[in-house]
Amino acid sequence: MIFAVLPLVLVSFGIAGLFTQCSFTPTGPTVDSGSVPTVNVQAELHDAAAGVDFPVVEPELPANWRANSSNSTTLPSHTEVVRVGWLTGEAQYLRLAQSNATEAELVVGETRQPPQALGTVEVGGRQWVRYQGVRDEQAWVSERDGVRLLITGNAGEAEFRTLAEAALTAPPVG
């Protein structure tokens, strides 16, 4: 039976390799930076700022960070959330969510879990509350001028600190 199934498996892999962008990488997954979408953060945040009733900031980040997603969503309380995601220079992902929702509602909306604080961290003269994120990610939340800032992703603490500092010091888009 193995000899009957083996040719079918080999033919299936051959067809998948010819007609899709499949590849075999024995050292683990890689990111082809040419296939990752790029978002015009400035344009996206200016558009989003026009549709919300809170100031939206555009963090100035290192040149090797690449914005690859942007969207806005509405939480059950009808408050808006403006999001932008970046691939860091270390090919990790971070997303900044900005909203005037309560901390608890924003945490639930972004992490899909009940808020359970894991501790705090000090960045940019502000206290950020750490939460468990989706999968093995973490989330940091702080407030700036009545707006909640939530950072989530799988990047390391240095990248979280970079985004946190940039979000706290960025001027509102206008």
Protein backbone atom coordinates (compact mmCIF):
# COMPACT_ATOMS: atom_id res chain seq x y z
CA MET A 1 0.00 0.00 0.00
CA ILE A 2 2.90 2.36 0.74
CA PHE A 3 4.21 1.84 -2.79
CA ALA A 4 0.79 2.72 -4.19
CA VAL A 5 0.45 5.94 -2.16
CA LEU A 6 4.05 7.16 -2.52
CA PRO A 7 3.80 8.03 -6.24
CA LEU A 8 0.57 9.97 -5.58
CA VAL A 9 2.25 11.97 -2.83
CA LEU A 10 5.24 12.76 -5.05
CA VAL A 11 2.99 13.82 -7.94
CA SER A 12 0.95 16.02 -5.56
CA PHE A 13 4.08 17.78 -4.28
CA GLY A 14 5.29 18.25 -7.84
CA ILE A 15 2.03 19.85 -8.94
CA ALA A 16 1.92 22.06 -5.84
CA GLY A 17 5.48 23.20 -6.51
CA LEU A 18 4.74 24.02 -10.14
CA PHE A 19 1.48 25.87 -9.71
CA THR A 20 1.93 27.67 -6.41
CA GLN A 21 4.63 29.54 -4.61
CA CYS A 22 5.55 26.60 -2.41
CA SER A 23 9.12 26.01 -1.40
CA PHE A 24 10.97 23.72 0.93
CA THR A 25 13.27 25.41 3.44
CA PRO A 26 14.87 22.93 5.82
CA THR A 27 16.11 25.72 8.14
CA GLY A 28 12.59 27.01 8.83
CA PRO A 29 10.23 29.61 7.41
CA THR A 30 11.55 32.76 5.78
CA VAL A 31 9.90 36.06 4.90
CA ASP A 32 10.23 37.28 1.35
CA SER A 33 10.21 41.03 1.92
CA GLY A 34 9.14 41.59 -1.68
CA SER A 35 5.87 39.71 -1.11
CA VAL A 36 4.86 41.63 2.04
CA PRO A 37 2.37 44.45 1.39
CA THR A 38 3.37 48.01 2.22
CA VAL A 39 0.98 50.57 3.65
CA ASN A 40 1.25 54.36 3.35
CA VAL A 41 0.93 55.05 7.08
CA GLN A 42 0.65 58.81 6.72
CA ALA A 43 -2.25 58.61 4.25
CA GLU A 44 -4.03 55.83 6.17
CA LEU A 45 -3.79 57.63 9.52
CA HIS A 46 -4.91 60.96 8.03
CA ASP A 47 -7.97 59.23 6.55
CA ALA A 48 -8.69 57.44 9.84
CA ALA A 49 -8.27 60.62 11.89
CA ALA A 50 -10.99 62.32 9.85
CA GLY A 51 -13.48 59.64 10.91
CA VAL A 52 -12.84 59.46 14.67
CA ASP A 53 -13.41 61.84 17.57
CA PHE A 54 -9.99 61.50 19.20
CA PRO A 55 -6.50 62.58 18.14
CA VAL A 56 -4.59 59.94 16.15
CA VAL A 57 -0.79 59.89 16.25
CA GLU A 58 1.70 58.74 13.64
CA PRO A 59 4.80 57.31 15.35
CA GLU A 60 8.15 57.98 13.72
CA LEU A 61 9.86 54.58 13.58
CA PRO A 62 13.22 53.29 12.37
CA ALA A 63 13.65 53.23 8.59
CA ASN A 64 13.94 49.45 8.52
CA TRP A 65 10.43 49.02 10.00
CA ARG A 66 7.83 48.39 7.29
CA ALA A 67 4.14 49.19 7.74
CA ASN A 68 2.19 46.30 6.26
CA SER A 69 -1.37 46.69 7.56
CA SER A 70 -3.84 49.37 8.52
CA ASN A 71 -7.52 49.33 9.40
CA SER A 72 -10.21 50.78 11.62
CA THR A 73 -12.87 48.86 13.50
CA THR A 74 -15.78 49.55 15.82
CA LEU A 75 -16.03 47.92 19.24
CA PRO A 76 -19.38 46.82 20.76
CA SER A 77 -19.63 50.15 22.63
CA HIS A 78 -19.51 51.91 19.23
CA THR A 79 -16.07 53.35 19.90
CA GLU A 80 -13.57 53.30 17.06
CA VAL A 81 -10.13 51.70 17.01
CA VAL A 82 -7.46 52.80 14.52
CA ARG A 83 -4.74 50.18 13.88
CA VAL A 84 -1.43 50.06 12.04
CA GLY A 85 0.89 47.06 11.94
CA TRP A 86 4.62 46.96 11.22
CA LEU A 87 7.25 44.38 10.50
CA THR A 88 10.22 45.40 12.62
CA GLY A 89 13.83 45.31 11.49
CA GLU A 90 14.02 41.87 13.16
CA ALA A 91 11.12 40.60 10.98
CA GLN A 92 8.79 40.51 14.00
CA TYR A 93 5.30 42.03 14.00
CA LEU A 94 3.90 44.86 16.13
CA ARG A 95 0.55 46.61 15.89
CA LEU A 96 -0.48 49.92 17.44
CA ALA A 97 -4.17 50.35 18.24
CA GLN A 98 -5.46 53.81 19.19
CA SER A 99 -8.91 54.38 20.70
CA ASN A 100 -10.90 56.30 23.28
CA ALA A 101 -12.45 53.01 24.49
CA THR A 102 -11.96 51.92 28.06
CA GLU A 103 -8.80 49.96 28.74
CA ALA A 104 -10.74 46.77 29.45
CA GLU A 105 -12.77 46.98 26.23
CA LEU A 106 -9.74 47.76 24.11
CA VAL A 107 -7.77 44.86 25.62
CA VAL A 108 -10.64 42.43 24.98
CA GLY A 109 -11.07 43.77 21.45
CA GLU A 110 -7.39 43.41 20.57
CA THR A 111 -6.42 40.26 22.48
CA ARG A 112 -9.76 38.40 22.42
CA GLN A 113 -9.24 37.57 26.10
CA PRO A 114 -10.52 38.98 29.37
CA PRO A 115 -8.04 41.55 30.68
CA GLN A 116 -5.69 40.07 33.22
CA ALA A 117 -2.72 42.35 33.94
CA LEU A 118 0.69 40.68 34.04
CA GLY A 119 2.52 43.68 35.46
CA THR A 120 3.74 47.07 34.32
CA VAL A 121 6.68 48.56 32.49
CA GLU A 122 7.87 52.17 32.42
CA VAL A 123 8.50 53.70 28.98
CA GLY A 124 8.65 57.34 27.98
CA GLY A 125 7.76 58.53 31.45
CA ARG A 126 4.50 56.57 31.36
CA GLN A 127 3.37 53.34 32.92
CA TRP A 128 2.31 50.64 30.45
CA VAL A 129 0.21 47.72 31.71
CA ARG A 130 1.21 44.37 30.22
CA TYR A 131 -1.42 41.79 29.22
CA GLN A 132 -1.36 38.37 27.61
CA GLY A 133 -2.04 38.71 23.90
CA VAL A 134 -3.19 36.28 21.24
CA ARG A 135 -1.20 33.02 21.16
CA ASP A 136 2.19 33.77 22.74
CA GLU A 137 2.07 37.50 22.03
CA GLN A 138 1.91 40.22 24.63
CA ALA A 139 0.04 43.52 24.76
CA TRP A 140 1.02 46.82 26.40
CA VAL A 141 -1.53 49.55 27.19
CA SER A 142 -1.08 53.16 28.23
CA GLU A 143 -2.94 56.42 27.87
CA ARG A 144 -1.97 59.66 26.18
CA ASP A 145 -4.22 62.72 26.39
CA GLY A 146 -7.38 60.62 26.88
CA VAL A 147 -6.52 58.17 24.10
CA ARG A 148 -5.64 54.56 24.86
CA LEU A 149 -2.59 53.19 23.08
CA LEU A 150 -2.31 49.41 22.84
CA ILE A 151 0.72 47.70 21.33
CA THR A 152 0.57 44.01 20.60
CA GLY A 153 2.71 41.56 18.67
CA ASN A 154 5.43 38.97 18.84
CA ALA A 155 8.44 41.30 18.86
CA GLY A 156 10.88 41.59 21.72
CA GLU A 157 10.86 44.14 24.50
CA ALA A 158 13.28 46.48 22.68
CA GLU A 159 10.89 46.80 19.73
CA PHE A 160 7.90 47.29 22.08
CA ARG A 161 9.83 50.08 23.79
CA THR A 162 10.70 51.69 20.45
CA LEU A 163 7.06 51.79 19.36
CA ALA A 164 5.83 52.88 22.80
CA GLU A 165 8.26 55.80 22.93
CA ALA A 166 7.44 56.81 19.36
CA ALA A 167 3.69 56.71 20.03
CA LEU A 168 4.05 58.86 23.14
CA THR A 169 6.16 61.52 21.44
CA ALA A 170 4.43 61.68 18.04
CA PRO A 171 2.30 64.73 17.27
CA PRO A 172 -1.35 64.18 16.33
CA VAL A 173 -1.95 63.92 12.58
CA GLY A 174 -3.84 66.79 11.18
